[in-house]
Amino acid sequence: MDAKDRRIAELETRVAELAALVAKLLKNSSNSSKPPSSDIIKPSKDKDRRRKKKIGAQKGHPQHQREPFKPEHVDNIVELKLESCPDCGGKLNPTNEPPKKHQQVELVDKPFLVTEYQQVQYWCAKCQQYHTATLPSESETKWSDRMKSGLYR
């Protein structure tokens, strides 16, 4: 019986040591006062959380865009029109929608020059789509180039 009691005492001591070791291993920065850098295994990040939000503007949040210049600050207005549907070549009917406005600011001798391009919107009855006139290329929009060519004086 002496050998059995000694073996039981040894096993009880070993169980107590293992229980203390398990308790120590279960401690981390989220359930104790340990710093996060002492965590053996970093807690896994919730991958679903990243999928919920897409990159860019979030639904329901207001847009943050530059306010357009007031009409009295616009130096030049260019109305861009389409002659025919760019997709099918059909006849276009103007809509009652206000034109899309694209303002371009260019530094010149004057502190700045504001050009507003008004892209008239059209409805094509043939292909059942809305169309807007395309913006001129960058070389066509430079004020300094237009001044040299004598278009605006």
C-alpha atoms as a PDB file:
ATOM      1  CA  MET A   1       0.000   0.000   0.000  1.00  0.00           C
ATOM      2  CA  ASP A   2       2.944   2.273   0.597  1.00  0.00           C
ATOM      3  CA  ALA A   3       3.968   2.130  -3.063  1.00  0.00           C
ATOM      4  CA  LYS A   4       0.429   2.889  -4.186  1.00  0.00           C
ATOM      5  CA  ASP A   5       0.185   5.915  -1.846  1.00  0.00           C
ATOM      6  CA  ARG A   6       3.507   7.253  -3.089  1.00  0.00           C
ATOM      7  CA  ARG A   7       2.446   6.770  -6.727  1.00  0.00           C
ATOM      8  CA  ILE A   8      -0.876   8.505  -6.049  1.00  0.00           C
ATOM      9  CA  ALA A   9       0.940  11.414  -4.361  1.00  0.00           C
ATOM     10  CA  GLU A  10       3.339  11.691  -7.321  1.00  0.00           C
ATOM     11  CA  LEU A  11       0.467  11.661  -9.795  1.00  0.00           C
ATOM     12  CA  GLU A  12      -1.481  14.273  -7.787  1.00  0.00           C
ATOM     13  CA  THR A  13       1.599  16.503  -7.738  1.00  0.00           C
ATOM     14  CA  ARG A  14       2.012  16.015 -11.486  1.00  0.00           C
ATOM     15  CA  VAL A  15      -1.684  16.810 -12.094  1.00  0.00           C
ATOM     16  CA  ALA A  16      -1.333  20.026 -10.038  1.00  0.00           C
ATOM     17  CA  GLU A  17       1.787  21.031 -12.020  1.00  0.00           C
ATOM     18  CA  LEU A  18       0.034  20.366 -15.336  1.00  0.00           C
ATOM     19  CA  ALA A  19      -3.082  22.298 -14.227  1.00  0.00           C
ATOM     20  CA  ALA A  20      -0.870  25.287 -13.319  1.00  0.00           C
ATOM     21  CA  LEU A  21       0.911  25.025 -16.672  1.00  0.00           C
ATOM     22  CA  VAL A  22      -2.389  24.887 -18.613  1.00  0.00           C
ATOM     23  CA  ALA A  23      -3.714  27.921 -16.692  1.00  0.00           C
ATOM     24  CA  LYS A  24      -0.510  29.810 -17.479  1.00  0.00           C
ATOM     25  CA  LEU A  25      -0.719  28.907 -21.179  1.00  0.00           C
ATOM     26  CA  LEU A  26      -4.368  29.977 -21.396  1.00  0.00           C
ATOM     27  CA  LYS A  27      -3.521  33.486 -20.195  1.00  0.00           C
ATOM     28  CA  ASN A  28      -3.150  36.115 -22.888  1.00  0.00           C
ATOM     29  CA  SER A  29      -3.488  39.866 -23.217  1.00  0.00           C
ATOM     30  CA  SER A  30      -7.275  39.678 -23.530  1.00  0.00           C
ATOM     31  CA  ASN A  31      -7.879  37.840 -20.224  1.00  0.00           C
ATOM     32  CA  SER A  32      -5.017  39.100 -18.053  1.00  0.00           C
ATOM     33  CA  SER A  33      -2.843  42.136 -17.501  1.00  0.00           C
ATOM     34  CA  LYS A  34      -0.163  40.795 -19.850  1.00  0.00           C
ATOM     35  CA  PRO A  35       0.914  43.069 -22.720  1.00  0.00           C
ATOM     36  CA  PRO A  36      -0.169  41.974 -26.227  1.00  0.00           C
ATOM     37  CA  SER A  37       3.458  41.478 -27.270  1.00  0.00           C
ATOM     38  CA  SER A  38       3.756  38.601 -24.792  1.00  0.00           C
ATOM     39  CA  ASP A  39       1.018  36.559 -26.496  1.00  0.00           C
ATOM     40  CA  ILE A  40       2.414  33.328 -27.880  1.00  0.00           C
ATOM     41  CA  ILE A  41      -0.246  32.987 -30.567  1.00  0.00           C
ATOM     42  CA  LYS A  42      -1.800  36.162 -31.888  1.00  0.00           C
ATOM     43  CA  PRO A  43      -5.605  36.123 -31.884  1.00  0.00           C
ATOM     44  CA  SER A  44      -6.941  35.535 -35.389  1.00  0.00           C
ATOM     45  CA  LYS A  45      -8.434  38.548 -37.098  1.00  0.00           C
ATOM     46  CA  ASP A  46     -12.045  38.249 -38.104  1.00  0.00           C
ATOM     47  CA  LYS A  47     -11.833  37.776 -41.870  1.00  0.00           C
ATOM     48  CA  ASP A  48     -15.560  38.360 -42.327  1.00  0.00           C
ATOM     49  CA  ARG A  49     -15.195  41.879 -40.956  1.00  0.00           C
ATOM     50  CA  ARG A  50     -12.900  42.826 -43.825  1.00  0.00           C
ATOM     51  CA  ARG A  51     -15.340  41.526 -46.417  1.00  0.00           C
ATOM     52  CA  LYS A  52     -18.275  43.530 -45.088  1.00  0.00           C
ATOM     53  CA  LYS A  53     -16.826  46.917 -46.061  1.00  0.00           C
ATOM     54  CA  LYS A  54     -15.816  47.514 -49.640  1.00  0.00           C
ATOM     55  CA  ILE A  55     -13.129  49.965 -50.696  1.00  0.00           C
ATOM     56  CA  GLY A  56     -14.317  53.487 -51.435  1.00  0.00           C
ATOM     57  CA  ALA A  57     -17.493  55.327 -50.513  1.00  0.00           C
ATOM     58  CA  GLN A  58     -19.750  53.445 -48.147  1.00  0.00           C
ATOM     59  CA  LYS A  59     -23.499  53.257 -48.706  1.00  0.00           C
ATOM     60  CA  GLY A  60     -25.425  55.795 -46.654  1.00  0.00           C
ATOM     61  CA  HIS A  61     -22.447  58.116 -46.118  1.00  0.00           C
ATOM     62  CA  PRO A  62     -22.421  61.619 -47.609  1.00  0.00           C
ATOM     63  CA  GLN A  63     -20.083  62.380 -50.496  1.00  0.00           C
ATOM     64  CA  HIS A  64     -17.094  64.629 -49.860  1.00  0.00           C
ATOM     65  CA  GLN A  65     -16.428  66.555 -53.041  1.00  0.00           C
ATOM     66  CA  ARG A  66     -15.145  70.008 -53.879  1.00  0.00           C
ATOM     67  CA  GLU A  67     -17.918  72.561 -54.223  1.00  0.00           C
ATOM     68  CA  PRO A  68     -18.214  73.783 -57.835  1.00  0.00           C
ATOM     69  CA  PHE A  69     -17.278  77.371 -58.629  1.00  0.00           C
ATOM     70  CA  LYS A  70     -20.116  79.878 -58.604  1.00  0.00           C
ATOM     71  CA  PRO A  71     -21.329  81.051 -62.041  1.00  0.00           C
ATOM     72  CA  GLU A  72     -19.843  84.530 -61.499  1.00  0.00           C
ATOM     73  CA  HIS A  73     -16.369  82.952 -61.085  1.00  0.00           C
ATOM     74  CA  VAL A  74     -16.556  80.962 -64.333  1.00  0.00           C
ATOM     75  CA  ASP A  75     -14.646  82.739 -67.106  1.00  0.00           C
ATOM     76  CA  ASN A  76     -15.662  80.601 -70.036  1.00  0.00           C
ATOM     77  CA  ILE A  77     -18.534  78.168 -70.692  1.00  0.00           C
ATOM     78  CA  VAL A  78     -18.197  75.608 -73.476  1.00  0.00           C
ATOM     79  CA  GLU A  79     -21.362  73.679 -74.358  1.00  0.00           C
ATOM     80  CA  LEU A  80     -20.505  70.230 -75.690  1.00  0.00           C
ATOM     81  CA  LYS A  81     -23.096  68.606 -77.951  1.00  0.00           C
ATOM     82  CA  LEU A  82     -23.546  65.329 -79.785  1.00  0.00           C
ATOM     83  CA  GLU A  83     -24.716  65.185 -83.381  1.00  0.00           C
ATOM     84  CA  SER A  84     -25.741  61.499 -83.311  1.00  0.00           C
ATOM     85  CA  CYS A  85     -25.698  58.474 -81.006  1.00  0.00           C
ATOM     86  CA  PRO A  86     -22.066  57.393 -80.418  1.00  0.00           C
ATOM     87  CA  ASP A  87     -23.139  53.716 -80.233  1.00  0.00           C
ATOM     88  CA  CYS A  88     -25.563  53.231 -83.101  1.00  0.00           C
ATOM     89  CA  GLY A  89     -25.454  56.537 -85.026  1.00  0.00           C
ATOM     90  CA  GLY A  90     -29.171  57.132 -84.418  1.00  0.00           C
ATOM     91  CA  LYS A  91     -30.916  60.454 -83.893  1.00  0.00           C
ATOM     92  CA  LEU A  92     -30.636  61.908 -80.371  1.00  0.00           C
ATOM     93  CA  ASN A  93     -33.338  63.850 -78.542  1.00  0.00           C
ATOM     94  CA  PRO A  94     -32.228  66.324 -75.843  1.00  0.00           C
ATOM     95  CA  THR A  95     -33.535  65.573 -72.357  1.00  0.00           C
ATOM     96  CA  ASN A  96     -34.835  68.079 -69.828  1.00  0.00           C
ATOM     97  CA  GLU A  97     -32.015  67.159 -67.455  1.00  0.00           C
ATOM     98  CA  PRO A  98     -29.500  69.902 -66.630  1.00  0.00           C
ATOM     99  CA  PRO A  99     -26.129  69.307 -68.325  1.00  0.00           C
ATOM    100  CA  LYS A 100     -23.337  67.512 -66.477  1.00  0.00           C
ATOM    101  CA  LYS A 101     -20.785  70.119 -65.459  1.00  0.00           C
ATOM    102  CA  HIS A 102     -17.045  69.536 -65.461  1.00  0.00           C
ATOM    103  CA  GLN A 103     -14.990  72.511 -64.261  1.00  0.00           C
ATOM    104  CA  GLN A 104     -11.320  72.825 -65.124  1.00  0.00           C
ATOM    105  CA  VAL A 105      -9.062  75.293 -63.328  1.00  0.00           C
ATOM    106  CA  GLU A 106      -5.909  76.485 -65.041  1.00  0.00           C
ATOM    107  CA  LEU A 107      -3.246  78.806 -63.625  1.00  0.00           C
ATOM    108  CA  VAL A 108      -2.587  81.744 -65.961  1.00  0.00           C
ATOM    109  CA  ASP A 109      -1.366  85.348 -65.620  1.00  0.00           C
ATOM    110  CA  LYS A 110      -4.651  86.015 -63.887  1.00  0.00           C
ATOM    111  CA  PRO A 111      -4.652  84.060 -60.586  1.00  0.00           C
ATOM    112  CA  PHE A 112      -6.796  81.348 -62.131  1.00  0.00           C
ATOM    113  CA  LEU A 113      -9.094  80.604 -65.031  1.00  0.00           C
ATOM    114  CA  VAL A 114     -12.210  78.493 -64.664  1.00  0.00           C
ATOM    115  CA  THR A 115     -13.724  76.806 -67.698  1.00  0.00           C
ATOM    116  CA  GLU A 116     -17.009  74.975 -67.346  1.00  0.00           C
ATOM    117  CA  TYR A 117     -17.870  72.313 -69.884  1.00  0.00           C
ATOM    118  CA  GLN A 118     -21.600  71.628 -70.054  1.00  0.00           C
ATOM    119  CA  GLN A 119     -22.163  68.173 -71.471  1.00  0.00           C
ATOM    120  CA  VAL A 120     -25.672  68.127 -72.903  1.00  0.00           C
ATOM    121  CA  GLN A 121     -27.505  64.874 -72.234  1.00  0.00           C
ATOM    122  CA  TYR A 122     -29.424  63.074 -74.982  1.00  0.00           C
ATOM    123  CA  TRP A 123     -31.779  60.120 -75.210  1.00  0.00           C
ATOM    124  CA  CYS A 124     -31.442  57.730 -78.131  1.00  0.00           C
ATOM    125  CA  ALA A 125     -34.825  56.197 -78.953  1.00  0.00           C
ATOM    126  CA  LYS A 126     -33.177  53.604 -81.189  1.00  0.00           C
ATOM    127  CA  CYS A 127     -30.790  52.022 -78.656  1.00  0.00           C
ATOM    128  CA  GLN A 128     -32.729  53.152 -75.570  1.00  0.00           C
ATOM    129  CA  GLN A 129     -29.749  54.758 -73.785  1.00  0.00           C
ATOM    130  CA  TYR A 130     -28.708  58.150 -72.431  1.00  0.00           C
ATOM    131  CA  HIS A 131     -25.638  59.764 -73.971  1.00  0.00           C
ATOM    132  CA  THR A 132     -23.546  62.827 -73.140  1.00  0.00           C
ATOM    133  CA  ALA A 133     -21.065  64.679 -75.299  1.00  0.00           C
ATOM    134  CA  THR A 134     -17.437  63.769 -74.645  1.00  0.00           C
ATOM    135  CA  LEU A 135     -15.010  66.188 -73.033  1.00  0.00           C
ATOM    136  CA  PRO A 136     -12.333  67.647 -75.318  1.00  0.00           C
ATOM    137  CA  SER A 137      -8.834  66.195 -75.060  1.00  0.00           C
ATOM    138  CA  GLU A 138      -6.335  67.811 -72.702  1.00  0.00           C
ATOM    139  CA  SER A 139      -4.490  69.544 -75.549  1.00  0.00           C
ATOM    140  CA  GLU A 140      -7.764  71.120 -76.718  1.00  0.00           C
ATOM    141  CA  THR A 141      -8.554  72.489 -73.253  1.00  0.00           C
ATOM    142  CA  LYS A 142      -5.366  74.407 -72.423  1.00  0.00           C
ATOM    143  CA  TRP A 143      -6.201  78.104 -72.205  1.00  0.00           C
ATOM    144  CA  SER A 144      -2.655  79.130 -73.100  1.00  0.00           C
ATOM    145  CA  ASP A 145      -2.846  77.102 -76.359  1.00  0.00           C
ATOM    146  CA  ARG A 146      -6.217  78.601 -77.245  1.00  0.00           C
ATOM    147  CA  MET A 147      -4.882  82.117 -76.566  1.00  0.00           C
ATOM    148  CA  LYS A 148      -1.880  81.502 -78.875  1.00  0.00           C
ATOM    149  CA  SER A 149      -4.097  80.191 -81.660  1.00  0.00           C
ATOM    150  CA  GLY A 150      -6.341  83.269 -81.439  1.00  0.00           C
ATOM    151  CA  LEU A 151      -9.524  81.375 -80.529  1.00  0.00           C
ATOM    152  CA  TYR A 152     -10.201  83.531 -77.465  1.00  0.00           C
ATOM    153  CA  ARG A 153      -9.218  87.205 -77.373  1.00  0.00           C
END
